[in-house]
Amino acid sequence: MMDKELETIQETGVETVQEIVKAPKNKNKSGKRFLSTIGAGVIGSMLTLGVVVNTDLLQASSEGRIPATSNVAPYNVQQTTVKDPTSLADMVEQASSAIVGVVNYKTAGNRFAQNTEAVNSGTGSGVIYKIVDNKAYIVTNNHVIEGAEKLEVSLESGEKTTAELVGKDALSDLAVLTIDAKYAKSVLEFGNSDQIRAGDAVVAIGNPLGLDFSGTVTQGIISAVDRSINVNTSAGEWEMNVIQTDAAINPGNSGGALLNSAGQVIGINSLKISESGVEGLGFAIPSNEVIPLIEEMTIHGQVERPYIGIGLADLSQVPPMYLQNIPQEVKGGVMVANVDPSSAAGKAGLLAEDVITAINSTDITSSTELRKFLYSQLKVGDIATFTIYRGAELKTIEVTLTSNKTTTE
């Protein structure tokens, strides 16, 4: 992608809006400090794609709203999608009851203080997509709920209730929540994102700038059906496949629905590009990628992926002092910043400062490529052959891939 400013449409805590760009290298740092920093952070950077931070200006009033603890009569639940809308307004009216606000609460103040309380640290959106027994299921973005000590869902009616986290996945930026089914009026069904075309009309519904603007509707078209965007997640850098749209997506829209003209969810809104003079570049996770992932999260609480147990640093990020012995013909690769000794990589003999250049004879030039190959071409239990340079020595090491279900990468 062109070198543009990829603005994350989230703010968390007291932090300002962050950018998904690599920070310039500080050449004055010591090599030792560099490896320590990279090892701790290269697969632990936070994905910030679409939550609006809570402020006094944007904080929604609670007047006239029924508390979650009040005795609220159950709604007449309809497990259905939008039914034969005769106009855009009909479609929006029917769909909006399944769009919710998601509020992330974190503890404020000194953790050693005797009195601490959870405060609203950010607000996003979510979509009610199914009701089973007494639970309504909501899909949202992982970055909307990440780090939350308490999750609250705000319904179209203004009612609020506590939500439970069912599962989450940082790389796909998806999460599943549940609330009591009595709060859900209806659900939205997923459409087939493989059938969309550039030029198709779409509608985005969500809560831009917080709950004061809940249920905001914007209209646009599909600008492109298959884009790849590099993002930073709490599990490392990742290349996300997305739908591009010119429907306005703003802070707080993350986790909301991108709907086709039939009122079906064809994408979960996630991020936008923001640069001076640039407008109408929003992105959503395609529904056909969302469905299997949230099903797995619902069953297992997470998405199972191969785990090797290393921290990574692109060679472009590594100070020259660490590359002095690497042959000059090596132009791309990934340096191992640290190794979990009990992991598959540790047991196979990979060491810090090894440079990985290929996996199963496929060239690897960056940490994003490594993760993409690992998670899309390999599975748990496979034996992967890593081609590495240990200084000037070329070696191959076989690694038996384990699961991230017992260890977090």
Protein backbone atom coordinates (compact mmCIF):
# COMPACT_ATOMS: atom_id res chain seq x y z
CA MET A 1 0.00 0.00 0.00
CA MET A 2 1.12 3.54 -0.57
CA ASP A 3 2.90 5.19 2.29
CA LYS A 4 -0.11 6.91 3.82
CA GLU A 5 -1.10 7.70 7.31
CA LEU A 6 -3.31 4.87 8.48
CA GLU A 7 -5.25 6.49 11.28
CA THR A 8 -6.62 4.27 13.89
CA ILE A 9 -10.07 5.37 14.90
CA GLN A 10 -9.68 4.46 18.52
CA GLU A 11 -8.38 6.20 21.57
CA THR A 12 -7.92 4.35 24.83
CA GLY A 13 -7.43 5.78 28.30
CA VAL A 14 -5.83 9.18 28.07
CA GLU A 15 -3.83 8.36 24.96
CA THR A 16 -4.35 10.32 21.78
CA VAL A 17 -5.26 8.82 18.42
CA GLN A 18 -2.40 6.56 17.35
CA GLU A 19 -1.05 5.83 13.88
CA ILE A 20 -0.27 2.45 12.38
CA VAL A 21 3.18 3.40 11.27
CA LYS A 22 6.59 2.28 12.34
CA ALA A 23 8.41 4.63 14.67
CA PRO A 24 11.75 5.88 13.37
CA LYS A 25 14.74 4.05 14.70
CA ASN A 26 16.73 5.78 17.41
CA LYS A 27 20.30 5.11 16.37
CA ASN A 28 21.61 6.39 19.68
CA LYS A 29 20.03 3.57 21.63
CA SER A 30 22.33 0.83 22.77
CA GLY A 31 22.11 -2.51 20.99
CA LYS A 32 21.26 -4.30 24.20
CA ARG A 33 18.37 -1.99 24.92
CA PHE A 34 17.15 -2.43 21.33
CA LEU A 35 16.87 -6.19 21.55
CA SER A 36 15.15 -5.94 24.92
CA THR A 37 12.62 -3.47 23.56
CA ILE A 38 11.98 -5.36 20.34
CA GLY A 39 11.68 -8.65 22.15
CA ALA A 40 9.05 -7.28 24.47
CA GLY A 41 7.10 -5.20 22.03
CA VAL A 42 7.27 -6.41 18.47
CA ILE A 43 4.47 -8.93 19.03
CA GLY A 44 2.80 -6.96 21.76
CA SER A 45 1.91 -3.65 20.13
CA MET A 46 -1.69 -2.58 20.48
CA LEU A 47 -4.19 -2.50 17.64
CA THR A 48 -6.11 0.74 17.82
CA LEU A 49 -8.66 0.84 15.08
CA GLY A 50 -11.96 2.30 16.09
CA VAL A 51 -13.07 3.20 19.59
CA VAL A 52 -13.85 6.71 20.65
CA VAL A 53 -12.40 7.68 24.00
CA ASN A 54 -14.81 8.82 26.67
CA THR A 55 -14.76 12.56 27.39
CA ASP A 56 -17.04 14.91 29.28
CA LEU A 57 -18.07 16.41 25.93
CA LEU A 58 -19.08 13.09 24.39
CA GLN A 59 -20.24 11.20 27.46
CA ALA A 60 -23.84 10.10 26.98
CA SER A 61 -26.42 11.29 29.50
CA SER A 62 -27.99 8.57 31.59
CA GLU A 63 -31.17 10.53 32.26
CA GLY A 64 -34.30 8.71 31.20
CA ARG A 65 -32.48 5.42 30.66
CA ILE A 66 -33.42 2.27 32.51
CA PRO A 67 -30.51 0.87 34.54
CA ALA A 68 -29.37 -2.65 33.78
CA THR A 69 -30.45 -3.72 37.24
CA SER A 70 -34.03 -2.50 36.77
CA ASN A 71 -36.89 -4.94 36.23
CA VAL A 72 -37.27 -4.67 32.49
CA ALA A 73 -39.98 -6.55 30.62
CA PRO A 74 -38.58 -8.84 27.93
CA TYR A 75 -38.81 -7.69 24.33
CA ASN A 76 -40.68 -9.63 21.71
CA VAL A 77 -37.58 -11.20 20.15
CA GLN A 78 -37.57 -11.80 16.42
CA GLN A 79 -34.72 -13.95 15.14
CA THR A 80 -34.78 -12.54 11.67
CA THR A 81 -33.00 -10.25 9.28
CA VAL A 82 -34.48 -7.24 7.53
CA LYS A 83 -37.70 -8.29 5.79
CA ASP A 84 -38.44 -6.96 2.32
CA PRO A 85 -37.73 -3.28 2.94
CA THR A 86 -39.57 -1.01 0.50
CA SER A 87 -37.09 1.82 0.98
CA LEU A 88 -33.67 2.58 2.40
CA ALA A 89 -35.35 4.12 5.43
CA ASP A 90 -37.32 0.90 6.04
CA MET A 91 -34.16 -1.16 5.87
CA VAL A 92 -32.31 1.12 8.30
CA GLU A 93 -35.25 1.19 10.71
CA GLN A 94 -35.47 -2.59 10.80
CA ALA A 95 -31.71 -3.12 11.06
CA SER A 96 -30.94 -0.53 13.71
CA SER A 97 -32.44 -2.48 16.61
CA ALA A 98 -29.67 -5.08 16.19
CA ILE A 99 -26.86 -2.46 16.34
CA VAL A 100 -25.56 -1.76 19.84
CA GLY A 101 -23.01 0.41 21.60
CA VAL A 102 -20.15 -1.33 23.43
CA VAL A 103 -18.53 0.50 26.34
CA ASN A 104 -15.11 -0.54 27.65
CA TYR A 105 -14.56 0.13 31.37
CA LYS A 106 -11.12 0.14 32.97
CA THR A 107 -9.98 0.95 36.48
CA ALA A 108 -8.85 4.53 36.88
CA GLY A 109 -6.32 5.92 39.33
CA ASN A 110 -3.50 4.42 41.36
CA ARG A 111 -3.80 0.66 41.62
CA PHE A 112 -2.50 0.91 45.20
CA ALA A 113 -5.29 3.28 46.23
CA GLN A 114 -7.96 1.92 48.54
CA ASN A 115 -10.81 3.23 46.44
CA THR A 116 -10.70 2.55 42.70
CA GLU A 117 -13.52 2.45 40.19
CA ALA A 118 -13.97 1.38 36.61
CA VAL A 119 -14.50 4.29 34.24
CA ASN A 120 -15.57 4.52 30.62
CA SER A 121 -12.33 4.35 28.65
CA GLY A 122 -13.76 3.94 25.16
CA THR A 123 -16.88 3.25 23.14
CA GLY A 124 -17.43 1.21 20.00
CA SER A 125 -20.24 -0.60 18.24
CA GLY A 126 -21.49 -4.17 17.89
CA VAL A 127 -23.98 -6.32 15.96
CA ILE A 128 -26.45 -8.80 17.44
CA TYR A 129 -26.22 -11.76 15.07
CA LYS A 130 -27.88 -14.70 16.83
CA ILE A 131 -29.98 -15.69 19.84
CA VAL A 132 -29.60 -19.11 21.43
CA ASP A 133 -31.67 -20.04 24.48
CA ASN A 134 -31.45 -17.06 26.81
CA LYS A 135 -28.35 -15.44 25.27
CA ALA A 136 -27.97 -12.91 22.49
CA TYR A 137 -24.60 -12.98 20.71
CA ILE A 138 -22.81 -9.81 19.60
CA VAL A 139 -19.83 -9.48 17.26
CA THR A 140 -17.55 -6.47 17.64
CA ASN A 141 -13.87 -5.58 17.15
CA ASN A 142 -11.22 -6.96 19.48
CA HIS A 143 -9.72 -3.50 19.94
CA VAL A 144 -13.09 -2.26 21.19
CA ILE A 145 -13.01 -4.64 24.17
CA GLU A 146 -9.26 -5.13 24.65
CA GLY A 147 -8.11 -4.64 28.23
CA ALA A 148 -11.63 -4.15 29.56
CA GLU A 149 -12.40 -4.96 33.18
CA LYS A 150 -16.10 -4.53 32.52
CA LEU A 151 -18.14 -4.43 29.31
CA GLU A 152 -21.46 -2.69 28.93
CA VAL A 153 -23.85 -2.83 25.99
CA SER A 154 -26.19 0.03 25.16
CA LEU A 155 -29.32 -0.92 23.19
CA GLU A 156 -31.18 1.16 20.60
CA SER A 157 -33.82 1.94 23.24
CA GLY A 158 -31.18 3.44 25.54
CA GLU A 159 -31.25 0.53 27.97
CA LYS A 160 -27.89 -0.75 29.21
CA THR A 161 -26.75 -4.14 30.40
CA THR A 162 -23.50 -5.86 31.30
CA ALA A 163 -21.96 -8.05 28.60
CA GLU A 164 -19.85 -11.18 28.99
CA LEU A 165 -16.80 -11.81 26.82
CA VAL A 166 -17.10 -15.16 25.00
CA GLY A 167 -14.00 -15.06 22.83
CA LYS A 168 -11.56 -12.72 21.11
CA ASP A 169 -8.82 -12.73 18.50
CA ALA A 170 -6.33 -9.89 18.13
CA LEU A 171 -5.07 -10.73 14.64
CA SER A 172 -8.49 -10.77 13.01
CA ASP A 173 -9.63 -7.92 15.30
CA LEU A 174 -12.85 -9.70 16.24
CA ALA A 175 -14.57 -10.51 19.53
CA VAL A 176 -17.82 -12.14 20.62
CA LEU A 177 -19.96 -10.98 23.55
CA THR A 178 -23.23 -12.17 25.04
CA ILE A 179 -26.07 -10.37 26.81
CA ASP A 180 -29.37 -11.57 28.21
CA ALA A 181 -31.67 -12.34 25.28
CA LYS A 182 -34.48 -10.28 26.81
CA TYR A 183 -32.66 -7.13 25.69
CA ALA A 184 -32.52 -8.16 22.02
CA LYS A 185 -35.36 -7.18 19.72
CA SER A 186 -33.92 -8.76 16.59
CA VAL A 187 -30.78 -10.09 14.95
CA LEU A 188 -29.06 -9.39 11.65
CA GLU A 189 -27.96 -12.17 9.33
CA PHE A 190 -24.71 -12.23 7.43
CA GLY A 191 -24.64 -11.80 3.68
CA ASN A 192 -22.13 -13.33 1.27
CA SER A 193 -19.20 -10.93 1.00
CA ASP A 194 -17.80 -12.94 -1.93
CA GLN A 195 -20.72 -11.73 -4.03
CA ILE A 196 -20.24 -8.00 -3.53
CA ARG A 197 -18.90 -5.83 -6.34
CA ALA A 198 -17.31 -2.42 -6.54
CA GLY A 199 -20.14 0.06 -6.91
CA ASP A 200 -22.66 -1.84 -4.79
CA ALA A 201 -24.57 0.43 -2.43
CA VAL A 202 -23.85 -0.03 1.29
CA VAL A 203 -24.88 1.51 4.60
CA ALA A 204 -22.81 1.78 7.77
CA ILE A 205 -24.58 1.94 11.13
CA GLY A 206 -22.77 2.58 14.40
CA ASN A 207 -21.94 5.06 17.15
CA PRO A 208 -19.46 7.65 15.83
CA LEU A 209 -17.97 9.88 18.53
CA GLY A 210 -19.73 7.98 21.31
CA LEU A 211 -23.23 7.11 22.42
CA ASP A 212 -24.51 10.67 21.97
CA PHE A 213 -24.56 9.84 18.26
CA SER A 214 -25.69 6.22 18.55
CA GLY A 215 -27.41 4.70 15.57
CA THR A 216 -25.80 7.06 13.07
CA VAL A 217 -26.37 5.97 9.47
CA THR A 218 -24.00 6.75 6.59
CA GLN A 219 -24.41 5.67 3.00
CA GLY A 220 -21.87 4.92 0.29
CA ILE A 221 -20.65 2.28 -2.11
CA ILE A 222 -18.18 -0.58 -2.15
CA SER A 223 -14.97 1.05 -3.40
CA ALA A 224 -12.96 -2.19 -3.63
CA VAL A 225 -13.71 -5.75 -2.61
CA ASP A 226 -10.25 -7.05 -1.77
CA ARG A 227 -7.74 -4.78 -0.07
CA SER A 228 -4.79 -5.70 2.17
CA ILE A 229 -3.95 -3.33 5.02
CA ASN A 230 -0.96 -3.70 7.35
CA VAL A 231 -1.97 -3.09 10.95
CA ASN A 232 -0.35 -3.38 14.36
CA THR A 233 -2.13 -5.69 16.78
CA SER A 234 -1.44 -6.85 20.30
CA ALA A 235 -0.30 -10.12 18.68
CA GLY A 236 2.10 -8.39 16.26
CA GLU A 237 1.91 -6.90 12.79
CA TRP A 238 -0.70 -8.40 10.53
CA GLU A 239 -1.93 -8.02 6.97
CA MET A 240 -5.71 -7.69 7.20
CA ASN A 241 -7.97 -8.46 4.24
CA VAL A 242 -10.71 -5.84 4.09
CA ILE A 243 -13.53 -4.33 2.06
CA GLN A 244 -12.99 -0.69 1.11
CA THR A 245 -15.96 1.69 1.27
CA ASP A 246 -16.59 5.41 1.04
CA ALA A 247 -19.40 5.24 3.62
CA ALA A 248 -18.24 7.48 6.48
CA ILE A 249 -16.60 5.52 9.30
CA ASN A 250 -15.55 7.53 12.35
CA PRO A 251 -14.27 6.96 15.90
CA GLY A 252 -16.83 4.78 17.64
CA ASN A 253 -18.00 3.04 14.44
CA SER A 254 -15.65 0.10 15.00
CA GLY A 255 -17.55 -3.14 15.41
CA GLY A 256 -20.63 -1.77 13.67
CA ALA A 257 -22.30 -3.17 10.58
CA LEU A 258 -21.64 -2.56 6.91
CA LEU A 259 -24.94 -3.56 5.30
CA ASN A 260 -25.96 -4.33 1.74
CA SER A 261 -29.23 -3.07 0.27
CA ALA A 262 -31.05 -6.13 1.63
CA GLY A 263 -30.01 -5.28 5.19
CA GLN A 264 -27.52 -8.13 5.47
CA VAL A 265 -24.16 -7.69 7.22
CA ILE A 266 -21.43 -7.97 4.59
CA GLY A 267 -18.70 -6.48 6.78
CA ILE A 268 -17.73 -5.40 10.29
CA ASN A 269 -16.43 -1.82 10.22
CA SER A 270 -12.91 -1.57 11.58
CA LEU A 271 -10.65 1.27 10.38
CA LYS A 272 -10.06 4.15 8.02
CA ILE A 273 -7.22 6.05 6.39
CA SER A 274 -6.94 9.67 7.41
CA GLU A 275 -4.62 12.15 5.79
CA SER A 276 -4.96 15.78 4.86
CA GLY A 277 -6.94 15.96 1.64
CA VAL A 278 -8.03 12.31 1.81
CA GLU A 279 -11.64 11.32 2.46
CA GLY A 280 -13.84 8.28 2.05
CA LEU A 281 -11.32 5.52 2.74
CA GLY A 282 -12.97 3.22 5.26
CA PHE A 283 -12.49 -0.51 5.70
CA ALA A 284 -14.54 -3.44 6.98
CA ILE A 285 -13.74 -7.08 7.71
CA PRO A 286 -15.60 -9.24 5.13
CA SER A 287 -18.48 -11.29 6.49
CA ASN A 288 -17.18 -14.53 4.97
CA GLU A 289 -14.03 -14.15 7.07
CA VAL A 290 -15.97 -13.09 10.15
CA ILE A 291 -18.35 -16.07 10.28
CA PRO A 292 -15.91 -18.99 10.77
CA LEU A 293 -13.78 -16.99 13.18
CA ILE A 294 -16.61 -16.00 15.50
CA GLU A 295 -17.95 -19.56 15.38
CA GLU A 296 -14.58 -20.85 16.56
CA MET A 297 -14.35 -18.17 19.23
CA THR A 298 -17.82 -19.06 20.46
CA ILE A 299 -16.79 -22.70 20.90
CA HIS A 300 -13.18 -22.34 22.07
CA GLY A 301 -12.87 -18.75 23.28
CA GLN A 302 -10.09 -18.05 20.78
CA VAL A 303 -8.85 -18.92 17.30
CA GLU A 304 -6.37 -21.79 17.24
CA ARG A 305 -3.18 -21.00 15.35
CA PRO A 306 0.29 -22.54 15.16
CA TYR A 307 2.65 -21.26 17.86
CA ILE A 308 6.43 -21.14 17.63
CA GLY A 309 7.37 -18.94 20.60
CA ILE A 310 9.66 -16.19 19.30
CA GLY A 311 9.79 -12.40 19.25
CA LEU A 312 10.48 -10.90 15.83
CA ALA A 313 12.21 -7.86 14.34
CA ASP A 314 12.40 -6.98 10.65
CA LEU A 315 15.97 -6.56 9.44
CA SER A 316 15.16 -2.95 8.54
CA GLN A 317 14.57 -2.32 12.24
CA VAL A 318 17.79 -3.96 13.44
CA PRO A 319 20.91 -1.83 14.14
CA PRO A 320 23.80 -2.61 11.75
CA MET A 321 25.96 -3.89 14.62
CA TYR A 322 23.78 -7.02 14.75
CA LEU A 323 24.11 -7.67 11.03
CA GLN A 324 27.87 -7.41 10.59
CA ASN A 325 28.36 -11.15 10.05
CA ILE A 326 25.33 -11.69 7.82
CA PRO A 327 26.30 -12.21 4.15
CA GLN A 328 25.70 -9.12 2.02
CA GLU A 329 23.48 -11.01 -0.40
CA VAL A 330 20.87 -11.41 2.39
CA LYS A 331 18.55 -8.46 1.74
CA GLY A 332 15.45 -9.54 3.63
CA GLY A 333 14.51 -11.63 6.60
CA VAL A 334 13.43 -11.55 10.21
CA MET A 335 15.70 -11.52 13.25
CA VAL A 336 14.73 -13.58 16.28
CA ALA A 337 14.64 -11.05 19.11
CA ASN A 338 13.91 -13.55 21.88
CA VAL A 339 12.93 -17.18 22.33
CA ASP A 340 10.64 -18.84 24.84
CA PRO A 341 12.88 -21.76 25.94
CA SER A 342 9.87 -24.03 26.59
CA SER A 343 8.31 -23.30 23.17
CA ALA A 344 8.57 -25.23 19.91
CA ALA A 345 11.27 -22.84 18.67
CA GLY A 346 13.24 -23.13 21.89
CA LYS A 347 13.14 -26.91 21.83
CA ALA A 348 14.17 -26.97 18.16
CA GLY A 349 17.24 -24.85 18.83
CA LEU A 350 16.37 -21.42 17.43
CA LEU A 351 18.39 -18.70 19.19
CA ALA A 352 18.11 -14.95 19.66
CA GLU A 353 19.81 -13.07 16.78
CA ASP A 354 19.17 -15.90 14.30
CA VAL A 355 17.93 -14.45 11.00
CA ILE A 356 15.05 -16.35 9.39
CA THR A 357 15.07 -16.06 5.59
CA ALA A 358 12.68 -18.85 4.54
CA ILE A 359 10.11 -21.35 5.81
CA ASN A 360 9.61 -24.54 3.80
CA SER A 361 11.70 -22.96 1.00
CA THR A 362 9.38 -19.93 0.80
CA ASP A 363 11.29 -16.66 1.19
CA ILE A 364 10.40 -14.59 4.26
CA THR A 365 11.30 -10.90 4.11
CA SER A 366 9.33 -9.46 7.05
CA SER A 367 7.59 -10.43 10.28
CA THR A 368 4.22 -9.84 8.59
CA GLU A 369 5.11 -12.36 5.87
CA LEU A 370 6.25 -14.86 8.49
CA ARG A 371 2.97 -14.66 10.41
CA LYS A 372 0.92 -14.78 7.21
CA PHE A 373 2.70 -17.92 6.04
CA LEU A 374 2.58 -19.52 9.49
CA TYR A 375 -1.13 -18.92 10.02
CA SER A 376 -2.39 -19.49 6.47
CA GLN A 377 -0.13 -22.24 5.11
CA LEU A 378 0.62 -24.31 8.22
CA LYS A 379 -1.34 -25.96 10.99
CA VAL A 380 -0.75 -27.27 14.49
CA GLY A 381 1.36 -30.43 14.39
CA ASP A 382 3.12 -29.61 11.11
CA ILE A 383 6.90 -29.78 10.94
CA ALA A 384 8.18 -26.53 9.43
CA THR A 385 11.72 -26.18 8.07
CA PHE A 386 13.23 -22.80 8.94
CA THR A 387 16.17 -21.55 6.86
CA ILE A 388 18.30 -19.28 9.04
CA TYR A 389 21.61 -17.48 9.20
CA ARG A 390 23.47 -17.74 12.49
CA GLY A 391 26.06 -15.13 11.77
CA ALA A 392 27.58 -16.14 8.43
CA GLU A 393 26.55 -19.81 8.82
CA LEU A 394 23.54 -21.02 6.83
CA LYS A 395 21.46 -23.60 8.72
CA THR A 396 18.08 -25.34 8.55
CA ILE A 397 16.09 -26.10 11.69
CA GLU A 398 12.93 -28.19 11.87
CA VAL A 399 10.23 -26.90 14.23
CA THR A 400 7.18 -28.95 15.22
CA LEU A 401 4.37 -26.42 15.52
CA THR A 402 2.32 -26.37 18.71
CA SER A 403 -0.97 -24.63 19.53
CA ASN A 404 -1.57 -21.14 20.85
CA LYS A 405 -4.44 -22.50 22.95
CA THR A 406 -2.11 -23.39 25.77
CA THR A 407 0.37 -20.53 25.19
CA THR A 408 -0.17 -16.99 23.95
CA GLU A 409 2.16 -15.78 21.22
